[in-house]
Amino acid sequence: MKCFGKANALFAMLRGVRAVLYRTTSKPRALSRTMSPGARSSSFSLLEIIMALAILAIGMMIALRLFPLGLETSKDTVAKYNASHSADTLLHLFQLRLQSDWETTRDKIPKDKPTTGEPSSSDWQLWTEQGNTTYYHGPDGFHYVKVVQHTPEADTTDFSAIYRLWREKVSYTVYDPDDSPKYEDRTFSTDKALKINLEISWPHMIPYSQRDTALYSFDVFRE
């Protein structure tokens, strides 16, 4: 009985090995080429493709139209920054010049805004250089000042503008509770204080009426 039991176990083991060999050596069944309904519904029709391409083309056309506008806006922003930066530098230059020679510098600045023609290209005189920025003044003193910012490595002009300068008296208000009216407007003598006005217009190569403009002013008190 023990022999028959061992024989049955051996036959069962052989059948298991045969089944494993059959599964590993048998050829796989061919995949069915019949598409399921779900697969058919996930594909794109020709009409859908054409509509997608049309939407893509419209989006690209809008982007191409907006690109020059964005580039022009970026140029305007850079120009306004350069104008503000050069004006700040020029104001400090005048402040230093006034403190070192008040009367001479004051008399070279007109009392009214200049309205005559701007100096020609040959009339500009070199005044000072601050880094990559060069300042020129006209033959009549500081009625007009030209500023040119350039990149030496590229030998190109990044920003160019013309200032119109004029001076005014510095005004202030005095409060006296015993007087009527209680507030009185007064002005400092030009020997003690000056208000400097700077109107910058750019770019200087085009007519004045077509330029962008900005106005800056500051008060200088004699030390």
N, C-alpha and C. Protein backbone atom coordinates (compact mmCIF):
# COMPACT_ATOMS: atom_id res chain seq x y z
N MET A 1 0.83 -1.20 0.00
CA MET A 1 0.00 0.00 0.00
C MET A 1 0.87 1.25 0.00
N LYS A 2 1.98 1.17 0.72
CA LYS A 2 2.88 2.31 0.75
C LYS A 2 3.51 2.52 -0.61
N CYS A 3 3.77 1.45 -1.33
CA CYS A 3 4.39 1.58 -2.66
C CYS A 3 3.41 2.25 -3.62
N PHE A 4 2.12 1.75 -3.54
CA PHE A 4 1.12 2.40 -4.41
C PHE A 4 0.96 3.88 -4.08
N GLY A 5 1.04 4.27 -2.81
CA GLY A 5 0.90 5.69 -2.44
C GLY A 5 2.04 6.52 -3.01
N LYS A 6 3.25 5.95 -2.94
CA LYS A 6 4.40 6.68 -3.47
C LYS A 6 4.31 6.82 -4.97
N ALA A 7 3.82 5.80 -5.63
CA ALA A 7 3.70 5.85 -7.08
C ALA A 7 2.68 6.91 -7.50
N ASN A 8 1.53 6.96 -6.80
CA ASN A 8 0.52 7.97 -7.12
C ASN A 8 1.07 9.38 -6.93
N ALA A 9 1.83 9.60 -5.87
CA ALA A 9 2.41 10.92 -5.63
C ALA A 9 3.39 11.29 -6.73
N LEU A 10 4.16 10.30 -7.21
CA LEU A 10 5.14 10.57 -8.28
C LEU A 10 4.43 10.93 -9.57
N PHE A 11 3.31 10.17 -9.88
CA PHE A 11 2.53 10.51 -11.09
C PHE A 11 1.93 11.91 -11.01
N ALA A 12 1.47 12.29 -9.83
CA ALA A 12 0.89 13.64 -9.66
C ALA A 12 1.95 14.71 -9.86
N MET A 13 3.16 14.42 -9.39
CA MET A 13 4.24 15.39 -9.58
C MET A 13 4.60 15.53 -11.05
N LEU A 14 4.62 14.44 -11.78
CA LEU A 14 4.95 14.48 -13.21
C LEU A 14 3.89 15.24 -13.99
N ARG A 15 2.62 15.05 -13.62
CA ARG A 15 1.56 15.78 -14.31
C ARG A 15 1.69 17.30 -14.07
N GLY A 16 2.09 17.70 -12.84
CA GLY A 16 2.27 19.13 -12.55
C GLY A 16 3.41 19.74 -13.38
N VAL A 17 4.52 19.01 -13.51
CA VAL A 17 5.65 19.50 -14.31
C VAL A 17 5.27 19.62 -15.76
N ARG A 18 4.50 18.64 -16.26
CA ARG A 18 4.05 18.68 -17.66
C ARG A 18 3.15 19.89 -17.92
N ALA A 19 2.28 20.24 -16.95
CA ALA A 19 1.38 21.38 -17.12
C ALA A 19 2.17 22.69 -17.15
N VAL A 20 3.19 22.79 -16.33
CA VAL A 20 4.01 24.00 -16.32
C VAL A 20 4.76 24.15 -17.62
N LEU A 21 5.34 23.05 -18.12
CA LEU A 21 6.06 23.08 -19.40
C LEU A 21 5.13 23.45 -20.53
N TYR A 22 3.92 22.98 -20.49
CA TYR A 22 2.97 23.28 -21.57
C TYR A 22 2.61 24.77 -21.59
N ARG A 23 2.43 25.36 -20.41
CA ARG A 23 2.07 26.78 -20.35
C ARG A 23 3.21 27.67 -20.82
N THR A 24 4.45 27.28 -20.55
CA THR A 24 5.59 28.13 -20.92
C THR A 24 5.99 27.98 -22.37
N THR A 25 5.67 26.87 -23.00
CA THR A 25 6.12 26.64 -24.37
C THR A 25 5.01 26.81 -25.39
N SER A 26 3.78 26.91 -24.96
CA SER A 26 2.68 27.04 -25.90
C SER A 26 2.64 28.44 -26.46
N LYS A 27 2.25 28.65 -27.73
CA LYS A 27 2.15 29.94 -28.40
C LYS A 27 0.97 30.73 -27.86
N PRO A 28 1.16 32.05 -27.72
CA PRO A 28 0.04 32.87 -27.25
C PRO A 28 -1.03 32.97 -28.31
N ARG A 29 -2.22 33.15 -27.87
CA ARG A 29 -3.32 33.32 -28.80
C ARG A 29 -3.25 34.67 -29.51
N ALA A 30 -3.66 34.67 -30.70
CA ALA A 30 -3.67 35.91 -31.48
C ALA A 30 -4.68 36.89 -30.88
N LEU A 31 -4.25 38.14 -30.82
CA LEU A 31 -5.13 39.16 -30.26
C LEU A 31 -6.24 39.46 -31.24
N SER A 32 -7.37 39.67 -30.69
CA SER A 32 -8.51 39.97 -31.53
C SER A 32 -8.37 41.38 -32.08
N ARG A 33 -8.63 41.57 -33.34
CA ARG A 33 -8.56 42.87 -33.98
C ARG A 33 -9.89 43.62 -33.95
N THR A 34 -10.83 43.02 -33.32
CA THR A 34 -12.14 43.67 -33.23
C THR A 34 -12.08 44.73 -32.14
N MET A 35 -12.32 45.99 -32.51
CA MET A 35 -12.28 47.10 -31.54
C MET A 35 -13.57 47.16 -30.75
N SER A 36 -13.39 47.46 -29.50
CA SER A 36 -14.56 47.58 -28.64
C SER A 36 -15.27 48.89 -28.91
N PRO A 37 -16.52 49.00 -28.57
CA PRO A 37 -17.25 50.26 -28.76
C PRO A 37 -16.60 51.44 -28.05
N GLY A 38 -16.01 51.20 -26.89
CA GLY A 38 -15.35 52.28 -26.16
C GLY A 38 -14.14 52.80 -26.90
N ALA A 39 -13.39 51.90 -27.55
CA ALA A 39 -12.21 52.33 -28.31
C ALA A 39 -12.61 53.18 -29.49
N ARG A 40 -13.71 52.83 -30.16
CA ARG A 40 -14.17 53.62 -31.30
C ARG A 40 -14.54 55.04 -30.87
N SER A 41 -15.15 55.18 -29.71
CA SER A 41 -15.62 56.50 -29.28
C SER A 41 -14.48 57.41 -28.84
N SER A 42 -13.26 56.86 -28.49
CA SER A 42 -12.15 57.68 -28.05
C SER A 42 -11.32 58.25 -29.19
N SER A 43 -11.51 57.86 -30.40
CA SER A 43 -10.76 58.37 -31.54
C SER A 43 -11.33 59.71 -32.00
N PHE A 44 -10.54 60.49 -32.76
CA PHE A 44 -10.93 61.80 -33.25
C PHE A 44 -11.38 61.70 -34.70
N SER A 45 -12.42 62.42 -35.00
CA SER A 45 -12.88 62.46 -36.38
C SER A 45 -12.12 63.54 -37.14
N LEU A 46 -12.20 63.54 -38.44
CA LEU A 46 -11.53 64.54 -39.26
C LEU A 46 -12.05 65.95 -38.96
N LEU A 47 -13.35 66.07 -38.71
CA LEU A 47 -13.94 67.37 -38.40
C LEU A 47 -13.38 67.92 -37.09
N GLU A 48 -13.21 67.06 -36.10
CA GLU A 48 -12.66 67.51 -34.83
C GLU A 48 -11.22 67.98 -34.98
N ILE A 49 -10.44 67.29 -35.79
CA ILE A 49 -9.05 67.68 -36.02
C ILE A 49 -8.98 69.03 -36.71
N ILE A 50 -9.85 69.24 -37.72
CA ILE A 50 -9.86 70.53 -38.43
C ILE A 50 -10.25 71.66 -37.49
N MET A 51 -11.23 71.43 -36.63
CA MET A 51 -11.63 72.47 -35.67
C MET A 51 -10.51 72.80 -34.70
N ALA A 52 -9.78 71.77 -34.24
CA ALA A 52 -8.67 72.01 -33.32
C ALA A 52 -7.57 72.82 -33.98
N LEU A 53 -7.26 72.50 -35.25
CA LEU A 53 -6.24 73.26 -35.97
C LEU A 53 -6.67 74.70 -36.20
N ALA A 54 -7.97 74.91 -36.47
CA ALA A 54 -8.47 76.28 -36.66
C ALA A 54 -8.34 77.10 -35.38
N ILE A 55 -8.68 76.51 -34.24
CA ILE A 55 -8.56 77.21 -32.95
C ILE A 55 -7.09 77.53 -32.67
N LEU A 56 -6.20 76.57 -32.96
CA LEU A 56 -4.76 76.81 -32.75
C LEU A 56 -4.26 77.95 -33.64
N ALA A 57 -4.72 77.99 -34.90
CA ALA A 57 -4.29 79.05 -35.81
C ALA A 57 -4.79 80.42 -35.33
N ILE A 58 -6.03 80.48 -34.84
CA ILE A 58 -6.56 81.75 -34.32
C ILE A 58 -5.76 82.22 -33.11
N GLY A 59 -5.42 81.29 -32.22
CA GLY A 59 -4.62 81.65 -31.05
C GLY A 59 -3.24 82.18 -31.42
N MET A 60 -2.62 81.56 -32.42
CA MET A 60 -1.30 82.02 -32.87
C MET A 60 -1.40 83.41 -33.51
N MET A 61 -2.46 83.68 -34.26
CA MET A 61 -2.63 84.99 -34.87
C MET A 61 -2.81 86.07 -33.81
N ILE A 62 -3.57 85.77 -32.75
CA ILE A 62 -3.76 86.74 -31.66
C ILE A 62 -2.44 87.00 -30.95
N ALA A 63 -1.66 85.93 -30.72
CA ALA A 63 -0.37 86.10 -30.05
C ALA A 63 0.58 86.95 -30.88
N LEU A 64 0.58 86.74 -32.20
CA LEU A 64 1.45 87.53 -33.07
C LEU A 64 1.03 88.99 -33.10
N ARG A 65 -0.27 89.26 -32.98
CA ARG A 65 -0.73 90.65 -32.94
C ARG A 65 -0.35 91.33 -31.63
N LEU A 66 -0.38 90.59 -30.52
CA LEU A 66 -0.09 91.17 -29.22
C LEU A 66 1.41 91.33 -28.97
N PHE A 67 2.24 90.56 -29.66
CA PHE A 67 3.68 90.60 -29.41
C PHE A 67 4.28 91.98 -29.69
N PRO A 68 4.01 92.62 -30.84
CA PRO A 68 4.57 93.97 -31.05
C PRO A 68 4.08 94.99 -30.02
N LEU A 69 2.81 94.86 -29.59
CA LEU A 69 2.28 95.77 -28.59
C LEU A 69 3.03 95.62 -27.27
N GLY A 70 3.27 94.37 -26.87
CA GLY A 70 4.02 94.14 -25.64
C GLY A 70 5.45 94.63 -25.73
N LEU A 71 6.07 94.48 -26.91
CA LEU A 71 7.43 94.96 -27.10
C LEU A 71 7.49 96.47 -27.02
N GLU A 72 6.50 97.15 -27.61
CA GLU A 72 6.47 98.61 -27.57
C GLU A 72 6.25 99.11 -26.14
N THR A 73 5.39 98.42 -25.39
CA THR A 73 5.15 98.79 -24.00
C THR A 73 6.41 98.63 -23.17
N SER A 74 7.16 97.57 -23.45
CA SER A 74 8.41 97.35 -22.73
C SER A 74 9.42 98.46 -23.04
N LYS A 75 9.50 98.90 -24.30
CA LYS A 75 10.40 99.99 -24.66
C LYS A 75 10.01 101.28 -23.96
N ASP A 76 8.71 101.56 -23.89
CA ASP A 76 8.24 102.78 -23.22
C ASP A 76 8.59 102.76 -21.73
N THR A 77 8.45 101.58 -21.11
CA THR A 77 8.77 101.46 -19.69
C THR A 77 10.25 101.70 -19.44
N VAL A 78 11.10 101.15 -20.29
CA VAL A 78 12.55 101.35 -20.15
C VAL A 78 12.89 102.82 -20.37
N ALA A 79 12.27 103.46 -21.37
CA ALA A 79 12.54 104.87 -21.64
C ALA A 79 12.14 105.75 -20.47
N LYS A 80 10.99 105.48 -19.85
CA LYS A 80 10.55 106.26 -18.71
C LYS A 80 11.49 106.08 -17.52
N TYR A 81 11.98 104.86 -17.35
CA TYR A 81 12.95 104.63 -16.27
C TYR A 81 14.24 105.40 -16.52
N ASN A 82 14.73 105.38 -17.76
CA ASN A 82 15.94 106.13 -18.10
C ASN A 82 15.75 107.63 -17.91
N ALA A 83 14.56 108.13 -18.28
CA ALA A 83 14.27 109.55 -18.09
C ALA A 83 14.30 109.92 -16.62
N SER A 84 13.67 109.11 -15.79
CA SER A 84 13.64 109.39 -14.35
C SER A 84 15.03 109.31 -13.74
N HIS A 85 15.79 108.31 -14.16
CA HIS A 85 17.14 108.13 -13.61
C HIS A 85 18.06 109.29 -14.01
N SER A 86 18.01 109.69 -15.28
CA SER A 86 18.86 110.80 -15.73
C SER A 86 18.44 112.12 -15.08
N ALA A 87 17.12 112.32 -14.88
CA ALA A 87 16.65 113.54 -14.22
C ALA A 87 17.15 113.60 -12.78
N ASP A 88 17.12 112.48 -12.09
CA ASP A 88 17.61 112.45 -10.71
C ASP A 88 19.09 112.80 -10.65
N THR A 89 19.86 112.24 -11.59
CA THR A 89 21.29 112.56 -11.64
C THR A 89 21.52 114.03 -11.94
N LEU A 90 20.75 114.58 -12.89
CA LEU A 90 20.91 115.98 -13.27
C LEU A 90 20.54 116.92 -12.12
N LEU A 91 19.51 116.59 -11.37
CA LEU A 91 19.12 117.41 -10.22
C LEU A 91 20.24 117.46 -9.18
N HIS A 92 20.88 116.32 -8.94
CA HIS A 92 21.97 116.30 -7.98
C HIS A 92 23.18 117.08 -8.50
N LEU A 93 23.42 117.02 -9.81
CA LEU A 93 24.53 117.79 -10.38
C LEU A 93 24.31 119.29 -10.19
N PHE A 94 23.08 119.74 -10.42
CA PHE A 94 22.79 121.15 -10.23
C PHE A 94 22.87 121.55 -8.76
N GLN A 95 22.46 120.67 -7.89
CA GLN A 95 22.54 120.97 -6.47
C GLN A 95 23.99 121.17 -6.05
N LEU A 96 24.88 120.29 -6.50
CA LEU A 96 26.30 120.42 -6.17
C LEU A 96 26.89 121.68 -6.80
N ARG A 97 26.49 121.96 -8.05
CA ARG A 97 27.03 123.13 -8.74
C ARG A 97 26.56 124.42 -8.08
N LEU A 98 25.32 124.47 -7.65
CA LEU A 98 24.80 125.66 -6.98
C LEU A 98 25.51 125.90 -5.65
N GLN A 99 25.76 124.85 -4.92
CA GLN A 99 26.43 125.01 -3.63
C GLN A 99 27.87 125.46 -3.80
N SER A 100 28.50 125.09 -4.90
CA SER A 100 29.89 125.50 -5.11
C SER A 100 30.00 126.90 -5.73
N ASP A 101 29.04 127.28 -6.57
CA ASP A 101 29.07 128.60 -7.21
C ASP A 101 27.62 129.04 -7.45
N TRP A 102 27.00 129.60 -6.43
CA TRP A 102 25.56 129.88 -6.47
C TRP A 102 25.21 130.91 -7.53
N GLU A 103 25.80 132.06 -7.51
CA GLU A 103 25.40 133.14 -8.40
C GLU A 103 25.61 132.79 -9.87
N THR A 104 26.78 132.26 -10.20
CA THR A 104 27.08 131.96 -11.60
C THR A 104 26.13 130.91 -12.15
N THR A 105 25.90 129.84 -11.38
CA THR A 105 25.00 128.77 -11.84
C THR A 105 23.57 129.27 -11.93
N ARG A 106 23.14 130.06 -10.96
CA ARG A 106 21.77 130.59 -10.97
C ARG A 106 21.53 131.46 -12.20
N ASP A 107 22.48 132.32 -12.53
CA ASP A 107 22.30 133.24 -13.65
C ASP A 107 22.31 132.54 -15.00
N LYS A 108 22.83 131.32 -15.06
CA LYS A 108 22.84 130.57 -16.32
C LYS A 108 21.53 129.81 -16.54
N ILE A 109 20.66 129.78 -15.54
CA ILE A 109 19.36 129.12 -15.66
C ILE A 109 18.31 130.20 -15.91
N PRO A 110 17.54 130.13 -16.98
CA PRO A 110 16.57 131.19 -17.28
C PRO A 110 15.42 131.21 -16.28
N LYS A 111 14.77 132.38 -16.19
CA LYS A 111 13.64 132.52 -15.29
C LYS A 111 12.35 131.93 -15.85
N ASP A 112 12.26 131.81 -17.15
CA ASP A 112 11.07 131.27 -17.81
C ASP A 112 11.44 130.04 -18.62
N LYS A 113 10.43 129.23 -18.90
CA LYS A 113 10.66 128.03 -19.69
C LYS A 113 11.11 128.40 -21.10
N PRO A 114 12.22 127.82 -21.58
CA PRO A 114 12.70 128.14 -22.93
C PRO A 114 11.70 127.68 -23.99
N THR A 115 11.45 128.56 -24.93
CA THR A 115 10.52 128.25 -26.03
C THR A 115 11.17 128.44 -27.39
N THR A 116 12.40 128.94 -27.40
CA THR A 116 13.09 129.13 -28.67
C THR A 116 13.56 127.79 -29.22
N GLY A 117 14.11 127.82 -30.42
CA GLY A 117 14.58 126.59 -31.03
C GLY A 117 15.72 125.94 -30.25
N GLU A 118 15.75 124.65 -30.27
CA GLU A 118 16.80 123.93 -29.56
C GLU A 118 18.14 124.08 -30.30
N PRO A 119 19.24 123.96 -29.59
CA PRO A 119 20.55 124.09 -30.24
C PRO A 119 20.73 123.05 -31.35
N SER A 120 21.48 123.42 -32.36
CA SER A 120 21.79 122.47 -33.43
C SER A 120 22.83 121.47 -32.94
N SER A 121 23.05 120.45 -33.72
CA SER A 121 23.97 119.39 -33.30
C SER A 121 25.39 119.89 -33.07
N SER A 122 25.79 120.95 -33.77
CA SER A 122 27.16 121.47 -33.62
C SER A 122 27.28 122.46 -32.46
N ASP A 123 26.16 122.90 -31.89
CA ASP A 123 26.19 123.89 -30.81
C ASP A 123 26.27 123.27 -29.42
N TRP A 124 26.04 121.99 -29.32
CA TRP A 124 26.09 121.36 -28.00
C TRP A 124 27.52 121.32 -27.49
N GLN A 125 27.68 121.61 -26.20
CA GLN A 125 28.99 121.62 -25.57
C GLN A 125 29.03 120.58 -24.45
N LEU A 126 30.11 119.82 -24.42
CA LEU A 126 30.24 118.76 -23.42
C LEU A 126 30.28 119.37 -22.02
N TRP A 127 29.45 118.84 -21.13
CA TRP A 127 29.41 119.33 -19.75
C TRP A 127 30.07 118.34 -18.81
N THR A 128 29.51 117.13 -18.71
CA THR A 128 30.05 116.14 -17.79
C THR A 128 29.63 114.74 -18.23
N GLU A 129 30.35 113.76 -17.75
CA GLU A 129 30.05 112.34 -18.00
C GLU A 129 29.86 111.64 -16.68
N GLN A 130 28.79 110.87 -16.58
CA GLN A 130 28.47 110.09 -15.38
C GLN A 130 28.25 108.65 -15.80
N GLY A 131 29.32 107.84 -15.68
CA GLY A 131 29.22 106.44 -16.12
C GLY A 131 29.04 106.37 -17.62
N ASN A 132 27.94 105.72 -18.05
CA ASN A 132 27.63 105.60 -19.48
C ASN A 132 26.74 106.73 -19.97
N THR A 133 26.55 107.77 -19.15
CA THR A 133 25.67 108.88 -19.51
C THR A 133 26.50 110.15 -19.70
N THR A 134 26.26 110.83 -20.81
CA THR A 134 26.96 112.07 -21.13
C THR A 134 25.97 113.21 -21.19
N TYR A 135 26.33 114.35 -20.56
CA TYR A 135 25.47 115.52 -20.53
C TYR A 135 26.12 116.66 -21.33
N TYR A 136 25.30 117.31 -22.14
CA TYR A 136 25.74 118.47 -22.92
C TYR A 136 24.84 119.65 -22.58
N HIS A 137 25.37 120.87 -22.69
CA HIS A 137 24.55 122.06 -22.52
C HIS A 137 24.67 122.93 -23.75
N GLY A 138 23.69 123.82 -23.92
CA GLY A 138 23.67 124.69 -25.08
C GLY A 138 24.63 125.86 -24.94
N PRO A 139 24.76 126.66 -25.98
CA PRO A 139 25.70 127.80 -25.94
C PRO A 139 25.24 128.92 -25.01
N ASP A 140 23.97 128.95 -24.63
CA ASP A 140 23.44 130.03 -23.79
C ASP A 140 23.41 129.66 -22.31
N GLY A 141 24.21 128.70 -21.91
CA GLY A 141 24.18 128.28 -20.51
C GLY A 141 23.36 127.01 -20.35
N PHE A 142 22.48 127.02 -19.34
CA PHE A 142 21.70 125.83 -19.03
C PHE A 142 20.23 126.01 -19.43
N HIS A 143 19.99 126.66 -20.54
CA HIS A 143 18.62 126.72 -21.05
C HIS A 143 18.19 125.33 -21.53
N TYR A 144 19.10 124.64 -22.20
CA TYR A 144 18.85 123.30 -22.71
C TYR A 144 20.01 122.39 -22.28
N VAL A 145 19.68 121.18 -21.94
CA VAL A 145 20.67 120.16 -21.61
C VAL A 145 20.29 118.88 -22.36
N LYS A 146 21.27 118.30 -23.03
CA LYS A 146 21.03 117.03 -23.74
C LYS A 146 21.71 115.90 -22.98
N VAL A 147 21.00 114.79 -22.86
CA VAL A 147 21.54 113.62 -22.19
C VAL A 147 21.56 112.45 -23.17
N VAL A 148 22.66 111.72 -23.18
CA VAL A 148 22.82 110.56 -24.07
C VAL A 148 23.35 109.40 -23.25
N GLN A 149 22.61 108.30 -23.22
CA GLN A 149 23.06 107.08 -22.56
C GLN A 149 23.44 106.06 -23.64
N HIS A 150 24.60 105.47 -23.49
CA HIS A 150 25.11 104.57 -24.52
C HIS A 150 25.77 103.35 -23.88
N THR A 151 25.92 102.32 -24.71
CA THR A 151 26.63 101.11 -24.31
C THR A 151 27.95 101.08 -25.05
N PRO A 152 29.07 101.29 -24.36
CA PRO A 152 30.35 101.36 -25.06
C PRO A 152 30.71 100.09 -25.82
N GLU A 153 30.40 98.92 -25.23
CA GLU A 153 30.77 97.68 -25.88
C GLU A 153 30.08 97.51 -27.23
N ALA A 154 28.80 97.92 -27.29
CA ALA A 154 28.03 97.76 -28.53
C ALA A 154 28.06 99.01 -29.40
N ASP A 155 28.58 100.14 -28.86
CA ASP A 155 28.63 101.40 -29.59
C ASP A 155 27.24 101.80 -30.08
N THR A 156 26.26 101.69 -29.19
CA THR A 156 24.88 102.05 -29.53
C THR A 156 24.35 103.03 -28.49
N THR A 157 23.35 103.82 -28.90
CA THR A 157 22.70 104.77 -28.01
C THR A 157 21.44 104.14 -27.44
N ASP A 158 21.37 104.02 -26.12
CA ASP A 158 20.23 103.40 -25.47
C ASP A 158 19.10 104.40 -25.21
N PHE A 159 19.47 105.65 -24.94
CA PHE A 159 18.46 106.66 -24.59
C PHE A 159 19.05 108.03 -24.87
N SER A 160 18.24 108.91 -25.45
CA SER A 160 18.67 110.29 -25.71
C SER A 160 17.48 111.21 -25.49
N ALA A 161 17.73 112.34 -24.85
CA ALA A 161 16.64 113.27 -24.52
C ALA A 161 17.21 114.67 -24.37
N ILE A 162 16.30 115.65 -24.35
CA ILE A 162 16.67 117.05 -24.17
C ILE A 162 15.85 117.63 -23.02
N TYR A 163 16.54 118.33 -22.13
CA TYR A 163 15.90 119.01 -21.00
C TYR A 163 15.73 120.49 -21.33
N ARG A 164 14.61 121.03 -20.89
CA ARG A 164 14.40 122.48 -20.87
C ARG A 164 14.36 122.90 -19.40
N LEU A 165 15.22 123.82 -19.03
CA LEU A 165 15.37 124.20 -17.64
C LEU A 165 14.90 125.65 -17.42
N TRP A 166 14.31 125.89 -16.27
CA TRP A 166 14.01 127.25 -15.82
C TRP A 166 13.88 127.24 -14.30
N ARG A 167 14.03 128.43 -13.73
CA ARG A 167 14.03 128.55 -12.27
C ARG A 167 12.88 129.42 -11.80
N GLU A 168 12.49 129.19 -10.56
CA GLU A 168 11.45 129.98 -9.92
C GLU A 168 11.85 130.26 -8.48
N LYS A 169 11.11 131.16 -7.85
CA LYS A 169 11.32 131.41 -6.44
C LYS A 169 10.63 130.32 -5.61
N VAL A 170 11.23 129.99 -4.50
CA VAL A 170 10.64 129.01 -3.60
C VAL A 170 9.64 129.71 -2.69
N SER A 171 8.42 129.25 -2.71
CA SER A 171 7.36 129.87 -1.90
C SER A 171 7.10 129.04 -0.64
N TYR A 172 6.60 129.72 0.35
CA TYR A 172 6.24 129.06 1.61
C TYR A 172 5.10 129.84 2.25
N THR A 173 4.44 129.23 3.22
CA THR A 173 3.27 129.83 3.88
C THR A 173 3.58 130.09 5.35
N VAL A 174 3.21 131.26 5.79
CA VAL A 174 3.42 131.66 7.19
C VAL A 174 2.06 131.76 7.88
N TYR A 175 2.00 131.19 9.07
CA TYR A 175 0.76 131.24 9.86
C TYR A 175 0.94 132.20 11.04
N ASP A 176 0.03 133.16 11.13
CA ASP A 176 0.04 134.11 12.24
C ASP A 176 -1.38 134.24 12.77
N PRO A 177 -1.67 133.74 13.97
CA PRO A 177 -3.05 133.76 14.49
C PRO A 177 -3.58 135.16 14.76
N ASP A 178 -2.67 136.17 14.86
CA ASP A 178 -3.10 137.53 15.16
C ASP A 178 -3.42 138.33 13.91
N ASP A 179 -3.02 137.85 12.75
CA ASP A 179 -3.26 138.58 11.50
C ASP A 179 -4.52 138.08 10.82
N SER A 180 -5.01 138.88 9.90
CA SER A 180 -6.14 138.48 9.08
C SER A 180 -5.80 138.82 7.61
N PRO A 181 -5.67 137.83 6.74
CA PRO A 181 -5.88 136.41 7.01
C PRO A 181 -4.73 135.81 7.83
N LYS A 182 -4.98 134.68 8.41
CA LYS A 182 -4.01 134.06 9.29
C LYS A 182 -2.85 133.44 8.51
N TYR A 183 -3.12 133.06 7.23
CA TYR A 183 -2.08 132.44 6.41
C TYR A 183 -1.60 133.44 5.36
N GLU A 184 -0.31 133.53 5.20
CA GLU A 184 0.27 134.45 4.22
C GLU A 184 1.34 133.72 3.42
N ASP A 185 1.24 133.84 2.09
CA ASP A 185 2.23 133.21 1.20
C ASP A 185 3.41 134.15 1.00
N ARG A 186 4.60 133.62 1.15
CA ARG A 186 5.81 134.38 0.97
C ARG A 186 6.78 133.59 0.08
N THR A 187 7.84 134.28 -0.34
CA THR A 187 8.85 133.64 -1.18
C THR A 187 10.24 133.96 -0.65
N PHE A 188 11.14 133.00 -0.86
CA PHE A 188 12.53 133.23 -0.49
C PHE A 188 13.22 134.04 -1.58
N SER A 189 14.21 134.77 -1.21
CA SER A 189 15.05 135.45 -2.18
C SER A 189 15.85 134.42 -2.97
N THR A 190 16.11 134.71 -4.25
CA THR A 190 16.89 133.77 -5.08
C THR A 190 18.34 133.67 -4.60
N ASP A 191 18.74 134.53 -3.68
CA ASP A 191 20.07 134.40 -3.08
C ASP A 191 20.10 133.31 -2.00
N LYS A 192 18.91 132.88 -1.58
CA LYS A 192 18.84 131.89 -0.51
C LYS A 192 18.28 130.54 -0.98
N ALA A 193 17.38 130.58 -1.97
CA ALA A 193 16.74 129.33 -2.40
C ALA A 193 16.31 129.45 -3.85
N LEU A 194 16.25 128.31 -4.53
CA LEU A 194 15.82 128.24 -5.92
C LEU A 194 14.97 127.00 -6.14
N LYS A 195 13.97 127.13 -6.99
CA LYS A 195 13.21 125.98 -7.47
C LYS A 195 13.62 125.72 -8.91
N ILE A 196 14.17 124.55 -9.17
CA ILE A 196 14.65 124.20 -10.50
C ILE A 196 13.62 123.28 -11.16
N ASN A 197 13.17 123.65 -12.35
CA ASN A 197 12.23 122.84 -13.12
C ASN A 197 12.96 122.20 -14.30
N LEU A 198 12.71 120.92 -14.49
CA LEU A 198 13.30 120.17 -15.59
C LEU A 198 12.19 119.50 -16.39
N GLU A 199 12.06 119.90 -17.63
CA GLU A 199 11.13 119.19 -18.52
C GLU A 199 11.96 118.38 -19.51
N ILE A 200 11.80 117.07 -19.46
CA ILE A 200 12.56 116.20 -20.34
C ILE A 200 11.65 115.70 -21.46
N SER A 201 12.17 115.65 -22.67
CA SER A 201 11.42 115.14 -23.82
C SER A 201 12.31 114.16 -24.58
N TRP A 202 11.75 113.06 -25.01
CA TRP A 202 12.52 112.01 -25.69
C TRP A 202 11.65 111.30 -26.72
N PRO A 203 12.31 110.66 -27.71
CA PRO A 203 13.73 110.79 -28.10
C PRO A 203 13.98 112.12 -28.80
N HIS A 204 15.18 112.62 -28.70
CA HIS A 204 15.45 113.99 -29.18
C HIS A 204 15.55 114.05 -30.70
N MET A 205 15.62 112.90 -31.39
CA MET A 205 15.77 112.92 -32.85
C MET A 205 14.49 113.32 -33.57
N ILE A 206 13.35 113.22 -32.93
CA ILE A 206 12.08 113.53 -33.59
C ILE A 206 11.62 114.92 -33.15
N PRO A 207 10.67 115.54 -33.86
CA PRO A 207 10.20 116.89 -33.48
C PRO A 207 9.68 116.93 -32.04
N TYR A 208 9.81 118.09 -31.43
CA TYR A 208 9.43 118.26 -30.02
C TYR A 208 7.96 117.91 -29.78
N SER A 209 7.09 118.27 -30.71
CA SER A 209 5.66 118.03 -30.53
C SER A 209 5.31 116.54 -30.51
N GLN A 210 6.18 115.68 -31.01
CA GLN A 210 5.91 114.25 -31.09
C GLN A 210 6.61 113.45 -29.99
N ARG A 211 7.34 114.10 -29.13
CA ARG A 211 8.09 113.38 -28.10
C ARG A 211 7.23 113.10 -26.86
N ASP A 212 7.68 112.14 -26.09
CA ASP A 212 7.14 111.93 -24.75
C ASP A 212 7.81 112.93 -23.81
N THR A 213 7.07 113.43 -22.84
CA THR A 213 7.61 114.43 -21.93
C THR A 213 7.30 114.08 -20.48
N ALA A 214 8.12 114.62 -19.60
CA ALA A 214 7.91 114.48 -18.15
C ALA A 214 8.52 115.69 -17.48
N LEU A 215 7.93 116.10 -16.37
CA LEU A 215 8.37 117.30 -15.65
C LEU A 215 8.84 116.91 -14.25
N TYR A 216 10.02 117.41 -13.89
CA TYR A 216 10.58 117.21 -12.55
C TYR A 216 10.98 118.56 -11.98
N SER A 217 10.92 118.68 -10.68
CA SER A 217 11.33 119.93 -10.01
C SER A 217 11.83 119.62 -8.61
N PHE A 218 12.67 120.52 -8.10
CA PHE A 218 13.16 120.36 -6.74
C PHE A 218 13.62 121.71 -6.22
N ASP A 219 13.64 121.84 -4.92
CA ASP A 219 14.05 123.08 -4.25
C ASP A 219 15.46 122.92 -3.71
N VAL A 220 16.26 123.93 -3.93
CA VAL A 220 17.63 123.94 -3.42
C VAL A 220 17.78 125.15 -2.50
N PHE A 221 18.29 124.91 -1.28
CA PHE A 221 18.51 125.98 -0.32
C PHE A 221 20.02 126.17 -0.14
N ARG A 222 20.40 127.41 -0.19
CA ARG A 222 21.81 127.73 -0.09
C ARG A 222 22.33 127.42 1.32
N GLU A 223 23.46 126.76 1.35
CA GLU A 223 24.04 126.40 2.65
C GLU A 223 24.95 127.50 3.16
